[in-house]
PDB file of N, CA and C in Angstrom:
ATOM      1  N   MET A   1       4.983  12.667 -16.666  1.00  0.00           N
ATOM      2  CA  MET A   1       5.536  12.396 -15.339  1.00  0.00           C
ATOM      3  C   MET A   1       7.062  12.480 -15.375  1.00  0.00           C
ATOM      4  N   ALA A   2       7.615  12.914 -14.319  1.00  0.00           N
ATOM      5  CA  ALA A   2       9.064  12.983 -14.195  1.00  0.00           C
ATOM      6  C   ALA A   2       9.610  11.590 -13.915  1.00  0.00           C
ATOM      7  N   GLY A   3      10.770  11.289 -14.477  1.00  0.00           N
ATOM      8  CA  GLY A   3      11.390   9.996 -14.249  1.00  0.00           C
ATOM      9  C   GLY A   3      11.950   9.891 -12.845  1.00  0.00           C
ATOM     10  N   VAL A   4      12.246   8.684 -12.476  1.00  0.00           N
ATOM     11  CA  VAL A   4      12.815   8.435 -11.155  1.00  0.00           C
ATOM     12  C   VAL A   4      14.272   8.864 -11.183  1.00  0.00           C
ATOM     13  N   ASP A   5      14.681   9.648 -10.205  1.00  0.00           N
ATOM     14  CA  ASP A   5      16.051  10.132 -10.101  1.00  0.00           C
ATOM     15  C   ASP A   5      16.922   8.988  -9.583  1.00  0.00           C
ATOM     16  N   GLN A   6      17.673   8.352 -10.481  1.00  0.00           N
ATOM     17  CA  GLN A   6      18.497   7.195 -10.121  1.00  0.00           C
ATOM     18  C   GLN A   6      19.616   7.578  -9.156  1.00  0.00           C
ATOM     19  N   GLY A   7      20.157   8.780  -9.303  1.00  0.00           N
ATOM     20  CA  GLY A   7      21.218   9.211  -8.390  1.00  0.00           C
ATOM     21  C   GLY A   7      20.711   9.336  -6.964  1.00  0.00           C
ATOM     22  N   GLU A   8      19.533   9.923  -6.817  1.00  0.00           N
ATOM     23  CA  GLU A   8      18.931  10.061  -5.488  1.00  0.00           C
ATOM     24  C   GLU A   8      18.613   8.691  -4.900  1.00  0.00           C
ATOM     25  N   LEU A   9      18.125   7.792  -5.744  1.00  0.00           N
ATOM     26  CA  LEU A   9      17.805   6.442  -5.300  1.00  0.00           C
ATOM     27  C   LEU A   9      19.063   5.712  -4.835  1.00  0.00           C
ATOM     28  N   GLN A  10      20.139   5.830  -5.576  1.00  0.00           N
ATOM     29  CA  GLN A  10      21.392   5.157  -5.206  1.00  0.00           C
ATOM     30  C   GLN A  10      21.964   5.723  -3.902  1.00  0.00           C
ATOM     31  N   ARG A  11      21.857   7.035  -3.715  1.00  0.00           N
ATOM     32  CA  ARG A  11      22.338   7.634  -2.458  1.00  0.00           C
ATOM     33  C   ARG A  11      21.524   7.109  -1.271  1.00  0.00           C
ATOM     34  N   ALA A  12      20.210   6.958  -1.470  1.00  0.00           N
ATOM     35  CA  ALA A  12      19.357   6.471  -0.387  1.00  0.00           C
ATOM     36  C   ALA A  12      19.661   5.012  -0.069  1.00  0.00           C
ATOM     37  N   LEU A  13      19.925   4.230  -1.112  1.00  0.00           N
ATOM     38  CA  LEU A  13      20.244   2.819  -0.889  1.00  0.00           C
ATOM     39  C   LEU A  13      21.608   2.653  -0.234  1.00  0.00           C
ATOM     40  N   ALA A  14      22.550   3.513  -0.577  1.00  0.00           N
ATOM     41  CA  ALA A  14      23.895   3.401  -0.022  1.00  0.00           C
ATOM     42  C   ALA A  14      23.993   4.001   1.370  1.00  0.00           C
ATOM     43  N   GLY A  15      23.085   4.867   1.733  1.00  0.00           N
ATOM     44  CA  GLY A  15      23.135   5.558   3.023  1.00  0.00           C
ATOM     45  C   GLY A  15      23.005   4.606   4.190  1.00  0.00           C
ATOM     46  N   GLY A  16      23.736   4.899   5.252  1.00  0.00           N
ATOM     47  CA  GLY A  16      23.601   4.137   6.485  1.00  0.00           C
ATOM     48  C   GLY A  16      24.236   2.765   6.484  1.00  0.00           C
ATOM     49  N   GLN A  17      25.163   2.492   5.571  1.00  0.00           N
ATOM     50  CA  GLN A  17      25.770   1.168   5.556  1.00  0.00           C
ATOM     51  C   GLN A  17      26.961   1.064   6.504  1.00  0.00           C
ATOM     52  N   GLY A  18      27.397   2.162   7.031  1.00  0.00           N
ATOM     53  CA  GLY A  18      28.531   2.130   7.947  1.00  0.00           C
ATOM     54  C   GLY A  18      28.124   2.613   9.313  1.00  0.00           C
ATOM     55  N   GLY A  19      29.019   2.527  10.262  1.00  0.00           N
ATOM     56  CA  GLY A  19      28.769   3.055  11.606  1.00  0.00           C
ATOM     57  C   GLY A  19      28.071   2.066  12.504  1.00  0.00           C
ATOM     58  N   GLY A  20      28.220   2.293  13.792  1.00  0.00           N
ATOM     59  CA  GLY A  20      27.584   1.422  14.767  1.00  0.00           C
ATOM     60  C   GLY A  20      26.403   2.113  15.391  1.00  0.00           C
ATOM     61  N   GLY A  21      25.829   1.455  16.399  1.00  0.00           N
ATOM     62  CA  GLY A  21      24.687   2.058  17.059  1.00  0.00           C
ATOM     63  C   GLY A  21      23.779   0.968  17.577  1.00  0.00           C
ATOM     64  N   GLY A  22      22.765   1.388  18.296  1.00  0.00           N
ATOM     65  CA  GLY A  22      21.812   0.453  18.857  1.00  0.00           C
ATOM     66  C   GLY A  22      20.860  -0.076  17.795  1.00  0.00           C
ATOM     67  N   ASP A  23      20.150  -1.134  18.181  1.00  0.00           N
ATOM     68  CA  ASP A  23      19.190  -1.738  17.261  1.00  0.00           C
ATOM     69  C   ASP A  23      18.070  -0.776  16.903  1.00  0.00           C
ATOM     70  N   GLN A  24      17.598  -0.033  17.882  1.00  0.00           N
ATOM     71  CA  GLN A  24      16.521   0.915  17.618  1.00  0.00           C
ATOM     72  C   GLN A  24      16.980   2.006  16.660  1.00  0.00           C
ATOM     73  N   GLU A  25      18.203   2.432  16.829  1.00  0.00           N
ATOM     74  CA  GLU A  25      18.751   3.460  15.959  1.00  0.00           C
ATOM     75  C   GLU A  25      18.862   2.937  14.526  1.00  0.00           C
ATOM     76  N   LYS A  26      19.314   1.696  14.377  1.00  0.00           N
ATOM     77  CA  LYS A  26      19.438   1.088  13.050  1.00  0.00           C
ATOM     78  C   LYS A  26      18.071   0.914  12.397  1.00  0.00           C
ATOM     79  N   GLN A  27      17.086   0.504  13.198  1.00  0.00           N
ATOM     80  CA  GLN A  27      15.736   0.334  12.652  1.00  0.00           C
ATOM     81  C   GLN A  27      15.152   1.674  12.221  1.00  0.00           C
ATOM     82  N   ALA A  28      15.367   2.696  13.017  1.00  0.00           N
ATOM     83  CA  ALA A  28      14.859   4.016  12.674  1.00  0.00           C
ATOM     84  C   ALA A  28      15.536   4.540  11.411  1.00  0.00           C
ATOM     85  N   GLU A  29      16.836   4.284  11.316  1.00  0.00           N
ATOM     86  CA  GLU A  29      17.589   4.713  10.137  1.00  0.00           C
ATOM     87  C   GLU A  29      17.115   3.962   8.891  1.00  0.00           C
ATOM     88  N   ALA A  30      16.879   2.657   9.026  1.00  0.00           N
ATOM     89  CA  ALA A  30      16.386   1.859   7.904  1.00  0.00           C
ATOM     90  C   ALA A  30      14.994   2.316   7.485  1.00  0.00           C
ATOM     91  N   ALA A  31      14.146   2.624   8.452  1.00  0.00           N
ATOM     92  CA  ALA A  31      12.798   3.111   8.144  1.00  0.00           C
ATOM     93  C   ALA A  31      12.880   4.464   7.437  1.00  0.00           C
ATOM     94  N   GLY A  32      13.793   5.291   7.855  1.00  0.00           N
ATOM     95  CA  GLY A  32      13.985   6.586   7.208  1.00  0.00           C
ATOM     96  C   GLY A  32      14.449   6.443   5.767  1.00  0.00           C
ATOM     97  N   ARG A  33      15.406   5.540   5.547  1.00  0.00           N
ATOM     98  CA  ARG A  33      15.884   5.278   4.183  1.00  0.00           C
ATOM     99  C   ARG A  33      14.754   4.741   3.320  1.00  0.00           C
ATOM    100  N   ARG A  34      13.989   3.806   3.873  1.00  0.00           N
ATOM    101  CA  ARG A  34      12.871   3.204   3.145  1.00  0.00           C
ATOM    102  C   ARG A  34      11.858   4.283   2.751  1.00  0.00           C
ATOM    103  N   ASP A  35      11.547   5.161   3.712  1.00  0.00           N
ATOM    104  CA  ASP A  35      10.586   6.228   3.461  1.00  0.00           C
ATOM    105  C   ASP A  35      11.110   7.186   2.391  1.00  0.00           C
ATOM    106  N   MET A  36      12.392   7.472   2.437  1.00  0.00           N
ATOM    107  CA  MET A  36      12.998   8.366   1.455  1.00  0.00           C
ATOM    108  C   MET A  36      12.946   7.757   0.053  1.00  0.00           C
ATOM    109  N   ILE A  37      13.220   6.454  -0.048  1.00  0.00           N
ATOM    110  CA  ILE A  37      13.176   5.777  -1.343  1.00  0.00           C
ATOM    111  C   ILE A  37      11.752   5.789  -1.883  1.00  0.00           C
ATOM    112  N   LEU A  38      10.783   5.434  -1.030  1.00  0.00           N
ATOM    113  CA  LEU A  38       9.393   5.407  -1.476  1.00  0.00           C
ATOM    114  C   LEU A  38       8.922   6.800  -1.891  1.00  0.00           C
ATOM    115  N   SER A  39       9.363   7.822  -1.165  1.00  0.00           N
ATOM    116  CA  SER A  39       8.984   9.191  -1.521  1.00  0.00           C
ATOM    117  C   SER A  39       9.558   9.596  -2.870  1.00  0.00           C
ATOM    118  N   SER A  40      10.742   9.085  -3.190  1.00  0.00           N
ATOM    119  CA  SER A  40      11.377   9.474  -4.450  1.00  0.00           C
ATOM    120  C   SER A  40      10.812   8.711  -5.651  1.00  0.00           C
ATOM    121  N   VAL A  41      10.180   7.561  -5.430  1.00  0.00           N
ATOM    122  CA  VAL A  41       9.669   6.775  -6.566  1.00  0.00           C
ATOM    123  C   VAL A  41       8.144   6.762  -6.650  1.00  0.00           C
ATOM    124  N   CYS A  42       7.450   7.377  -5.688  1.00  0.00           N
ATOM    125  CA  CYS A  42       5.986   7.408  -5.692  1.00  0.00           C
ATOM    126  C   CYS A  42       5.495   8.848  -5.798  1.00  0.00           C
ATOM    127  N   THR A  43       4.342   9.019  -6.430  1.00  0.00           N
ATOM    128  CA  THR A  43       3.702  10.333  -6.429  1.00  0.00           C
ATOM    129  C   THR A  43       3.181  10.596  -5.019  1.00  0.00           C
ATOM    130  N   PRO A  44       2.928  11.848  -4.678  1.00  0.00           N
ATOM    131  CA  PRO A  44       2.394  12.137  -3.331  1.00  0.00           C
ATOM    132  C   PRO A  44       1.082  11.403  -3.040  1.00  0.00           C
ATOM    133  N   GLU A  45       0.228  11.259  -4.060  1.00  0.00           N
ATOM    134  CA  GLU A  45      -1.043  10.557  -3.869  1.00  0.00           C
ATOM    135  C   GLU A  45      -0.817   9.084  -3.555  1.00  0.00           C
ATOM    136  N   ALA A  46       0.114   8.456  -4.265  1.00  0.00           N
ATOM    137  CA  ALA A  46       0.414   7.042  -4.033  1.00  0.00           C
ATOM    138  C   ALA A  46       1.047   6.853  -2.660  1.00  0.00           C
ATOM    139  N   LYS A  47       1.926   7.778  -2.277  1.00  0.00           N
ATOM    140  CA  LYS A  47       2.566   7.697  -0.953  1.00  0.00           C
ATOM    141  C   LYS A  47       1.519   7.838   0.151  1.00  0.00           C
ATOM    142  N   GLU A  48       0.550   8.730  -0.057  1.00  0.00           N
ATOM    143  CA  GLU A  48      -0.514   8.921   0.927  1.00  0.00           C
ATOM    144  C   GLU A  48      -1.384   7.669   1.039  1.00  0.00           C
ATOM    145  N   ARG A  49      -1.715   7.070  -0.101  1.00  0.00           N
ATOM    146  CA  ARG A  49      -2.526   5.844  -0.080  1.00  0.00           C
ATOM    147  C   ARG A  49      -1.774   4.726   0.627  1.00  0.00           C
ATOM    148  N   LEU A  50      -0.486   4.609   0.369  1.00  0.00           N
ATOM    149  CA  LEU A  50       0.319   3.581   1.025  1.00  0.00           C
ATOM    150  C   LEU A  50       0.345   3.797   2.537  1.00  0.00           C
ATOM    151  N   ALA A  51       0.397   5.041   2.962  1.00  0.00           N
ATOM    152  CA  ALA A  51       0.377   5.351   4.402  1.00  0.00           C
ATOM    153  C   ALA A  51      -0.969   4.966   5.017  1.00  0.00           C
ATOM    154  N   ARG A  52      -2.070   5.215   4.290  1.00  0.00           N
ATOM    155  CA  ARG A  52      -3.393   4.834   4.803  1.00  0.00           C
ATOM    156  C   ARG A  52      -3.538   3.322   4.876  1.00  0.00           C
ATOM    157  N   ILE A  53      -2.980   2.623   3.910  1.00  0.00           N
ATOM    158  CA  ILE A  53      -3.026   1.157   3.925  1.00  0.00           C
ATOM    159  C   ILE A  53      -2.227   0.632   5.112  1.00  0.00           C
ATOM    160  N   ALA A  54      -1.098   1.281   5.399  1.00  0.00           N
ATOM    161  CA  ALA A  54      -0.245   0.853   6.506  1.00  0.00           C
ATOM    162  C   ALA A  54      -0.962   0.962   7.845  1.00  0.00           C
ATOM    163  N   ILE A  55      -1.889   1.904   7.957  1.00  0.00           N
ATOM    164  CA  ILE A  55      -2.641   2.047   9.199  1.00  0.00           C
ATOM    165  C   ILE A  55      -3.527   0.836   9.424  1.00  0.00           C
ATOM    166  N   VAL A  56      -4.149   0.355   8.348  1.00  0.00           N
ATOM    167  CA  VAL A  56      -5.109  -0.740   8.451  1.00  0.00           C
ATOM    168  C   VAL A  56      -4.437  -2.104   8.351  1.00  0.00           C
ATOM    169  N   LYS A  57      -3.586  -2.261   7.338  1.00  0.00           N
ATOM    170  CA  LYS A  57      -2.922  -3.549   7.088  1.00  0.00           C
ATOM    171  C   LYS A  57      -1.438  -3.298   6.867  1.00  0.00           C
ATOM    172  N   SER A  58      -0.700  -3.265   7.957  1.00  0.00           N
ATOM    173  CA  SER A  58       0.717  -2.928   7.867  1.00  0.00           C
ATOM    174  C   SER A  58       1.513  -3.968   7.076  1.00  0.00           C
ATOM    175  N   ASP A  59       1.121  -5.239   7.163  1.00  0.00           N
ATOM    176  CA  ASP A  59       1.850  -6.269   6.427  1.00  0.00           C
ATOM    177  C   ASP A  59       1.681  -6.098   4.922  1.00  0.00           C
ATOM    178  N   LYS A  60       0.489  -5.734   4.478  1.00  0.00           N
ATOM    179  CA  LYS A  60       0.254  -5.519   3.051  1.00  0.00           C
ATOM    180  C   LYS A  60       1.018  -4.302   2.552  1.00  0.00           C
ATOM    181  N   ALA A  61       1.033  -3.229   3.354  1.00  0.00           N
ATOM    182  CA  ALA A  61       1.783  -2.031   2.982  1.00  0.00           C
ATOM    183  C   ALA A  61       3.274  -2.347   2.902  1.00  0.00           C
ATOM    184  N   GLN A  62       3.751  -3.178   3.819  1.00  0.00           N
ATOM    185  CA  GLN A  62       5.163  -3.591   3.814  1.00  0.00           C
ATOM    186  C   GLN A  62       5.485  -4.354   2.532  1.00  0.00           C
ATOM    187  N   GLN A  63       4.602  -5.273   2.147  1.00  0.00           N
ATOM    188  CA  GLN A  63       4.817  -6.066   0.932  1.00  0.00           C
ATOM    189  C   GLN A  63       4.860  -5.179  -0.310  1.00  0.00           C
ATOM    190  N   VAL A  64       3.903  -4.257  -0.420  1.00  0.00           N
ATOM    191  CA  VAL A  64       3.861  -3.369  -1.580  1.00  0.00           C
ATOM    192  C   VAL A  64       5.088  -2.464  -1.590  1.00  0.00           C
ATOM    193  N   GLY A  65       5.467  -1.944  -0.423  1.00  0.00           N
ATOM    194  CA  GLY A  65       6.670  -1.117  -0.339  1.00  0.00           C
ATOM    195  C   GLY A  65       7.916  -1.881  -0.767  1.00  0.00           C
ATOM    196  N   ASP A  66       8.031  -3.125  -0.321  1.00  0.00           N
ATOM    197  CA  ASP A  66       9.170  -3.964  -0.726  1.00  0.00           C
ATOM    198  C   ASP A  66       9.173  -4.191  -2.236  1.00  0.00           C
ATOM    199  N   MET A  67       7.982  -4.409  -2.796  1.00  0.00           N
ATOM    200  CA  MET A  67       7.862  -4.631  -4.234  1.00  0.00           C
ATOM    201  C   MET A  67       8.308  -3.383  -5.000  1.00  0.00           C
ATOM    202  N   ILE A  68       7.891  -2.221  -4.545  1.00  0.00           N
ATOM    203  CA  ILE A  68       8.258  -0.961  -5.210  1.00  0.00           C
ATOM    204  C   ILE A  68       9.758  -0.722  -5.114  1.00  0.00           C
ATOM    205  N   ILE A  69      10.324  -0.928  -3.932  1.00  0.00           N
ATOM    206  CA  ILE A  69      11.768  -0.726  -3.743  1.00  0.00           C
ATOM    207  C   ILE A  69      12.561  -1.702  -4.609  1.00  0.00           C
ATOM    208  N   SER A  70      12.106  -2.933  -4.674  1.00  0.00           N
ATOM    209  CA  SER A  70      12.777  -3.935  -5.505  1.00  0.00           C
ATOM    210  C   SER A  70      12.754  -3.527  -6.979  1.00  0.00           C
ATOM    211  N   MET A  71      11.609  -3.042  -7.435  1.00  0.00           N
ATOM    212  CA  MET A  71      11.505  -2.589  -8.831  1.00  0.00           C
ATOM    213  C   MET A  71      12.434  -1.406  -9.078  1.00  0.00           C
ATOM    214  N   ALA A  72      12.539  -0.512  -8.102  1.00  0.00           N
ATOM    215  CA  ALA A  72      13.408   0.656  -8.247  1.00  0.00           C
ATOM    216  C   ALA A  72      14.877   0.233  -8.298  1.00  0.00           C
ATOM    217  N   GLN A  73      15.255  -0.728  -7.462  1.00  0.00           N
ATOM    218  CA  GLN A  73      16.640  -1.196  -7.440  1.00  0.00           C
ATOM    219  C   GLN A  73      17.021  -1.871  -8.747  1.00  0.00           C
ATOM    220  N   ARG A  74      16.082  -2.554  -9.371  1.00  0.00           N
ATOM    221  CA  ARG A  74      16.349  -3.240 -10.636  1.00  0.00           C
ATOM    222  C   ARG A  74      16.216  -2.319 -11.838  1.00  0.00           C
ATOM    223  N   GLY A  75      15.818  -1.064 -11.592  1.00  0.00           N
ATOM    224  CA  GLY A  75      15.684  -0.110 -12.689  1.00  0.00           C
ATOM    225  C   GLY A  75      14.456  -0.330 -13.540  1.00  0.00           C
ATOM    226  N   GLN A  76      13.412  -0.914 -12.983  1.00  0.00           N
ATOM    227  CA  GLN A  76      12.205  -1.216 -13.749  1.00  0.00           C
ATOM    228  C   GLN A  76      11.204  -0.059 -13.751  1.00  0.00           C
ATOM    229  N   LEU A  77      11.516   1.017 -13.075  1.00  0.00           N
ATOM    230  CA  LEU A  77      10.592   2.147 -13.004  1.00  0.00           C
ATOM    231  C   LEU A  77      11.054   3.252 -13.942  1.00  0.00           C
ATOM    232  N   SER A  78      10.253   3.514 -14.960  1.00  0.00           N
ATOM    233  CA  SER A  78      10.588   4.599 -15.882  1.00  0.00           C
ATOM    234  C   SER A  78       9.946   5.905 -15.438  1.00  0.00           C
ATOM    235  N   GLU A  79       8.929   5.817 -14.596  1.00  0.00           N
ATOM    236  CA  GLU A  79       8.266   6.993 -14.054  1.00  0.00           C
ATOM    237  C   GLU A  79       7.834   6.703 -12.629  1.00  0.00           C
ATOM    238  N   LYS A  80       7.393   7.728 -11.937  1.00  0.00           N
ATOM    239  CA  LYS A  80       6.970   7.539 -10.553  1.00  0.00           C
ATOM    240  C   LYS A  80       5.717   6.683 -10.488  1.00  0.00           C
ATOM    241  N   ILE A  81       5.583   5.944  -9.384  1.00  0.00           N
ATOM    242  CA  ILE A  81       4.420   5.100  -9.165  1.00  0.00           C
ATOM    243  C   ILE A  81       3.220   6.004  -8.878  1.00  0.00           C
ATOM    244  N   SER A  82       2.181   5.866  -9.710  1.00  0.00           N
ATOM    245  CA  SER A  82       0.966   6.651  -9.497  1.00  0.00           C
ATOM    246  C   SER A  82       0.025   5.891  -8.568  1.00  0.00           C
ATOM    247  N   GLU A  83      -1.015   6.570  -8.140  1.00  0.00           N
ATOM    248  CA  GLU A  83      -2.002   5.936  -7.267  1.00  0.00           C
ATOM    249  C   GLU A  83      -2.695   4.783  -7.995  1.00  0.00           C
ATOM    250  N   GLU A  84      -2.969   4.969  -9.288  1.00  0.00           N
ATOM    251  CA  GLU A  84      -3.618   3.910 -10.067  1.00  0.00           C
ATOM    252  C   GLU A  84      -2.709   2.680 -10.186  1.00  0.00           C
ATOM    253  N   ARG A  85      -1.433   2.919 -10.398  1.00  0.00           N
ATOM    254  CA  ARG A  85      -0.495   1.795 -10.496  1.00  0.00           C
ATOM    255  C   ARG A  85      -0.361   1.087  -9.153  1.00  0.00           C
ATOM    256  N   LEU A  86      -0.410   1.853  -8.076  1.00  0.00           N
ATOM    257  CA  LEU A  86      -0.363   1.270  -6.741  1.00  0.00           C
ATOM    258  C   LEU A  86      -1.575   0.375  -6.507  1.00  0.00           C
ATOM    259  N   LYS A  87      -2.748   0.830  -6.961  1.00  0.00           N
ATOM    260  CA  LYS A  87      -3.956   0.011  -6.843  1.00  0.00           C
ATOM    261  C   LYS A  87      -3.785  -1.309  -7.601  1.00  0.00           C
ATOM    262  N   GLY A  88      -3.163  -1.231  -8.783  1.00  0.00           N
ATOM    263  CA  GLY A  88      -2.904  -2.439  -9.563  1.00  0.00           C
ATOM    264  C   GLY A  88      -1.962  -3.392  -8.840  1.00  0.00           C
ATOM    265  N   MET A  89      -0.967  -2.833  -8.183  1.00  0.00           N
ATOM    266  CA  MET A  89      -0.028  -3.669  -7.429  1.00  0.00           C
ATOM    267  C   MET A  89      -0.735  -4.346  -6.261  1.00  0.00           C
ATOM    268  N   LEU A  90      -1.636  -3.617  -5.611  1.00  0.00           N
ATOM    269  CA  LEU A  90      -2.400  -4.202  -4.509  1.00  0.00           C
ATOM    270  C   LEU A  90      -3.286  -5.333  -5.016  1.00  0.00           C
ATOM    271  N   ALA A  91      -3.910  -5.124  -6.165  1.00  0.00           N
ATOM    272  CA  ALA A  91      -4.747  -6.171  -6.751  1.00  0.00           C
ATOM    273  C   ALA A  91      -3.899  -7.383  -7.118  1.00  0.00           C
ATOM    274  N   GLN A  92      -2.684  -7.141  -7.578  1.00  0.00           N
ATOM    275  CA  GLN A  92      -1.772  -8.228  -7.929  1.00  0.00           C
ATOM    276  C   GLN A  92      -1.396  -9.030  -6.679  1.00  0.00           C
ATOM    277  N   LEU A  93      -1.202  -8.344  -5.555  1.00  0.00           N
ATOM    278  CA  LEU A  93      -0.891  -9.044  -4.308  1.00  0.00           C
ATOM    279  C   LEU A  93      -2.065  -9.906  -3.851  1.00  0.00           C
ATOM    280  N   GLU A  94      -3.267  -9.409  -4.075  1.00  0.00           N
ATOM    281  CA  GLU A  94      -4.454 -10.172  -3.698  1.00  0.00           C
ATOM    282  C   GLU A  94      -4.491 -11.483  -4.478  1.00  0.00           C
ATOM    283  N   GLY A  95      -4.041 -11.431  -5.724  1.00  0.00           N
ATOM    284  CA  GLY A  95      -3.951 -12.633  -6.540  1.00  0.00           C
ATOM    285  C   GLY A  95      -5.277 -13.338  -6.684  1.00  0.00           C
ATOM    286  N   GLY A  96      -5.298 -14.589  -6.301  1.00  0.00           N
ATOM    287  CA  GLY A  96      -6.481 -15.410  -6.458  1.00  0.00           C
ATOM    288  C   GLY A  96      -7.427 -15.358  -5.280  1.00  0.00           C
ATOM    289  N   LYS A  97      -7.195 -14.447  -4.371  1.00  0.00           N
ATOM    290  CA  LYS A  97      -8.081 -14.377  -3.211  1.00  0.00           C
ATOM    291  C   LYS A  97      -9.474 -13.983  -3.667  1.00  0.00           C
ATOM    292  N   LYS A  98     -10.441 -14.741  -3.210  1.00  0.00           N
ATOM    293  CA  LYS A  98     -11.822 -14.507  -3.594  1.00  0.00           C
ATOM    294  C   LYS A  98     -12.391 -13.336  -2.796  1.00  0.00           C
ATOM    295  N   GLU A  99     -13.144 -12.503  -3.489  1.00  0.00           N
ATOM    296  CA  GLU A  99     -13.774 -11.369  -2.831  1.00  0.00           C
ATOM    297  C   GLU A  99     -14.923 -11.870  -1.977  1.00  0.00           C
ATOM    298  N   THR A 100     -14.966 -11.420  -0.763  1.00  0.00           N
ATOM    299  CA  THR A 100     -16.006 -11.847   0.170  1.00  0.00           C
ATOM    300  C   THR A 100     -17.235 -10.978  -0.024  1.00  0.00           C
ATOM    301  N   LYS A 101     -18.357 -11.626  -0.193  1.00  0.00           N
ATOM    302  CA  LYS A 101     -19.620 -10.904  -0.313  1.00  0.00           C
ATOM    303  C   LYS A 101     -20.545 -11.402   0.773  1.00  0.00           C
ATOM    304  N   ILE A 102     -21.226 -10.476   1.392  1.00  0.00           N
ATOM    305  CA  ILE A 102     -22.190 -10.810   2.430  1.00  0.00           C
ATOM    306  C   ILE A 102     -23.563 -10.398   1.915  1.00  0.00           C
ATOM    307  N   LYS A 103     -24.470 -11.325   1.930  1.00  0.00           N
ATOM    308  CA  LYS A 103     -25.806 -11.053   1.452  1.00  0.00           C
ATOM    309  C   LYS A 103     -26.781 -11.281   2.598  1.00  0.00           C
ATOM    310  N   PHE A 104     -27.555 -10.259   2.910  1.00  0.00           N
ATOM    311  CA  PHE A 104     -28.548 -10.366   3.965  1.00  0.00           C
ATOM    312  C   PHE A 104     -29.879 -10.758   3.342  1.00  0.00           C
ATOM    313  N   GLN A 105     -30.482 -11.741   3.936  1.00  0.00           N
ATOM    314  CA  GLN A 105     -31.769 -12.187   3.442  1.00  0.00           C
ATOM    315  C   GLN A 105     -32.727 -12.237   4.627  1.00  0.00           C
ATOM    316  N   ARG A 106     -33.765 -11.468   4.546  1.00  0.00           N
ATOM    317  CA  ARG A 106     -34.720 -11.390   5.641  1.00  0.00           C
ATOM    318  C   ARG A 106     -35.812 -12.404   5.404  1.00  0.00           C
ATOM    319  N   LYS A 107     -36.052 -13.205   6.386  1.00  0.00           N
ATOM    320  CA  LYS A 107     -37.121 -14.190   6.275  1.00  0.00           C
ATOM    321  C   LYS A 107     -38.423 -13.546   6.705  1.00  0.00           C
ATOM    322  N   ARG A 108     -39.464 -13.814   5.958  1.00  0.00           N
ATOM    323  CA  ARG A 108     -40.783 -13.279   6.288  1.00  0.00           C
ATOM    324  C   ARG A 108     -41.597 -14.383   6.941  1.00  0.00           C
ATOM    325  N   CYS A 109     -42.290 -14.019   7.974  1.00  0.00           N
ATOM    326  CA  CYS A 109     -43.221 -14.943   8.612  1.00  0.00           C
ATOM    327  C   CYS A 109     -44.548 -14.860   7.861  1.00  0.00           C
ATOM    328  N   ASP A 110     -45.338 -15.889   7.968  1.00  0.00           N
ATOM    329  CA  ASP A 110     -46.629 -15.897   7.289  1.00  0.00           C
ATOM    330  C   ASP A 110     -47.536 -14.795   7.789  1.00  0.00           C
ATOM    331  N   SER A 111     -47.424 -14.461   9.062  1.00  0.00           N
ATOM    332  CA  SER A 111     -48.295 -13.443   9.627  1.00  0.00           C
ATOM    333  C   SER A 111     -47.900 -12.033   9.171  1.00  0.00           C
ATOM    334  N   GLU A 112     -46.658 -11.860   8.699  1.00  0.00           N
ATOM    335  CA  GLU A 112     -46.209 -10.566   8.220  1.00  0.00           C
ATOM    336  C   GLU A 112     -46.636 -10.370   6.782  1.00  0.00           C
ATOM    337  N   SER A 113     -47.163  -9.232   6.517  1.00  0.00           N
ATOM    338  CA  SER A 113     -47.464  -8.884   5.141  1.00  0.00           C
ATOM    339  C   SER A 113     -47.404  -7.374   5.011  1.00  0.00           C
ATOM    340  N   ASP A 114     -47.376  -6.895   3.806  1.00  0.00           N
ATOM    341  CA  ASP A 114     -47.314  -5.454   3.577  1.00  0.00           C
ATOM    342  C   ASP A 114     -48.606  -4.768   4.005  1.00  0.00           C
ATOM    343  N   GLU A 115     -49.712  -5.514   4.024  1.00  0.00           N
ATOM    344  CA  GLU A 115     -50.998  -4.948   4.377  1.00  0.00           C
ATOM    345  C   GLU A 115     -51.039  -4.528   5.847  1.00  0.00           C
ATOM    346  N   ASP A 116     -50.285  -5.192   6.699  1.00  0.00           N
ATOM    347  CA  ASP A 116     -50.292  -4.870   8.130  1.00  0.00           C
ATOM    348  C   ASP A 116     -49.774  -3.458   8.404  1.00  0.00           C
ATOM    349  N   TYR A 117     -48.943  -2.970   7.512  1.00  0.00           N
ATOM    350  CA  TYR A 117     -48.307  -1.668   7.725  1.00  0.00           C
ATOM    351  C   TYR A 117     -48.938  -0.563   6.896  1.00  0.00           C
ATOM    352  N   SER A 118     -50.000  -0.852   6.192  1.00  0.00           N
ATOM    353  CA  SER A 118     -50.570   0.144   5.281  1.00  0.00           C
ATOM    354  C   SER A 118     -51.277   1.272   6.001  1.00  0.00           C
ATOM    355  N   ASP A 119     -51.761   1.075   7.223  1.00  0.00           N
ATOM    356  CA  ASP A 119     -52.485   2.122   7.911  1.00  0.00           C
ATOM    357  C   ASP A 119     -51.614   2.956   8.847  1.00  0.00           C
ATOM    358  N   LEU A 120     -50.308   2.888   8.726  1.00  0.00           N
ATOM    359  CA  LEU A 120     -49.411   3.672   9.575  1.00  0.00           C
ATOM    360  C   LEU A 120     -49.249   5.066   9.105  1.00  0.00           C
TER     361      LEU A 120
END
């Protein structure tokens, strides 16, 4: 895997720190910078998975994105984030949350038996 381009990352982090403008413009600019940083530190597969997660659970995607950006800023990324590593980060965010299992149990009445359906 190719390493993370620190120069590109620093330019993205430094971009947009000056100038005025409306709140919407600043938010759009910040979202653009964020997207650029994530694109530079994630593989295309991981970026695609993060986008799909954002559709369903935007808060979780935001948390994972913040975690990735924070790791990039601290220089903790020696290579791009793969899809498998992203899955691990998602599992880490879940932490101690218990997996929900639903079990369907059909109750049988005394009058019901397999013999009733044998002549169908």
